[in-house]
Amino acid sequence: MAPGLTSEGGRLVQNLPINAPVAVMAEGKKHAMAIGVLTMSSKEIKEENKGQAIEVCQFLNDGLWFLKPV
């Protein structure tokens, strides 16, 4: 949700367009917990500050995480 990106602990990279790929990081963690694409531009996220801002494609411990190497 957009408020999580604009909150005190959130981080929003400026000038990202809609459909830009993004990594979702948990505060204080080293690695991404999800990968997704923006459903709003970073400008819209900052101005509107509501709604779903990222469509998550892959997340930590999903099915892809447990695939065996080829």
Protein backbone atom coordinates (compact mmCIF):
# COMPACT_ATOMS: atom_id res chain seq x y z
CA MET A 1 0.00 0.00 0.00
CA ALA A 2 1.20 3.50 -0.83
CA PRO A 3 1.24 4.79 2.79
CA GLY A 4 3.91 2.23 3.66
CA LEU A 5 6.21 3.76 1.06
CA THR A 6 5.68 7.32 2.27
CA SER A 7 5.73 6.62 6.03
CA GLU A 8 8.64 7.54 8.30
CA GLY A 9 10.37 4.16 7.82
CA GLY A 10 9.50 3.89 4.12
CA ARG A 11 11.69 4.74 1.17
CA LEU A 12 10.35 5.88 -2.17
CA VAL A 13 12.68 6.33 -5.15
CA GLN A 14 11.77 9.44 -7.15
CA ASN A 15 10.88 9.59 -10.87
CA LEU A 16 9.85 5.95 -11.33
CA PRO A 17 7.15 5.36 -13.98
CA ILE A 18 4.21 2.96 -13.83
CA ASN A 19 5.35 -0.66 -14.49
CA ALA A 20 8.86 -0.01 -13.19
CA PRO A 21 10.31 -3.13 -11.53
CA VAL A 22 10.92 -2.71 -7.79
CA ALA A 23 12.30 -4.69 -4.87
CA VAL A 24 10.32 -4.63 -1.62
CA MET A 25 12.61 -4.48 1.40
CA ALA A 26 11.74 -5.01 5.06
CA GLU A 27 13.10 -2.30 7.32
CA GLY A 28 16.53 -3.24 8.62
CA LYS A 29 16.91 -6.31 6.38
CA LYS A 30 19.66 -6.90 3.82
CA HIS A 31 17.72 -8.78 1.10
CA ALA A 32 14.45 -8.14 -0.72
CA MET A 33 11.34 -9.93 0.52
CA ALA A 34 9.41 -9.40 -2.73
CA ILE A 35 9.77 -8.28 -6.34
CA GLY A 36 7.02 -6.44 -8.15
CA VAL A 37 6.05 -3.68 -10.56
CA LEU A 38 4.61 -0.27 -9.75
CA THR A 39 0.92 0.24 -10.43
CA MET A 40 1.36 3.98 -9.83
CA SER A 41 4.25 6.31 -10.62
CA SER A 42 6.37 7.46 -7.68
CA LYS A 43 4.93 10.95 -8.17
CA GLU A 44 1.34 9.59 -7.89
CA ILE A 45 2.27 7.56 -4.81
CA LYS A 46 3.65 10.65 -3.08
CA GLU A 47 0.72 12.89 -4.06
CA GLU A 48 -2.19 10.47 -3.46
CA ASN A 49 -0.67 8.43 -0.61
CA LYS A 50 -3.38 5.74 -0.79
CA GLY A 51 -4.15 2.58 -2.69
CA GLN A 52 -2.10 -0.37 -3.92
CA ALA A 53 1.18 0.92 -5.34
CA ILE A 54 2.97 -2.36 -6.16
CA GLU A 55 1.78 -5.53 -7.87
CA VAL A 56 3.87 -8.28 -6.28
CA CYS A 57 5.19 -10.87 -8.75
CA GLN A 58 7.41 -13.02 -6.49
CA PHE A 59 7.81 -13.09 -2.72
CA LEU A 60 10.00 -14.77 -0.14
CA ASN A 61 9.16 -18.48 0.30
CA ASP A 62 6.72 -18.67 -2.63
CA GLY A 63 6.71 -21.62 -5.04
CA LEU A 64 9.60 -20.28 -7.10
CA TRP A 65 11.75 -20.10 -3.96
CA PHE A 66 11.55 -23.89 -3.55
CA LEU A 67 12.21 -24.94 -7.16
CA LYS A 68 15.12 -27.31 -7.56
CA PRO A 69 18.07 -26.17 -9.71
CA VAL A 70 18.02 -27.26 -13.34
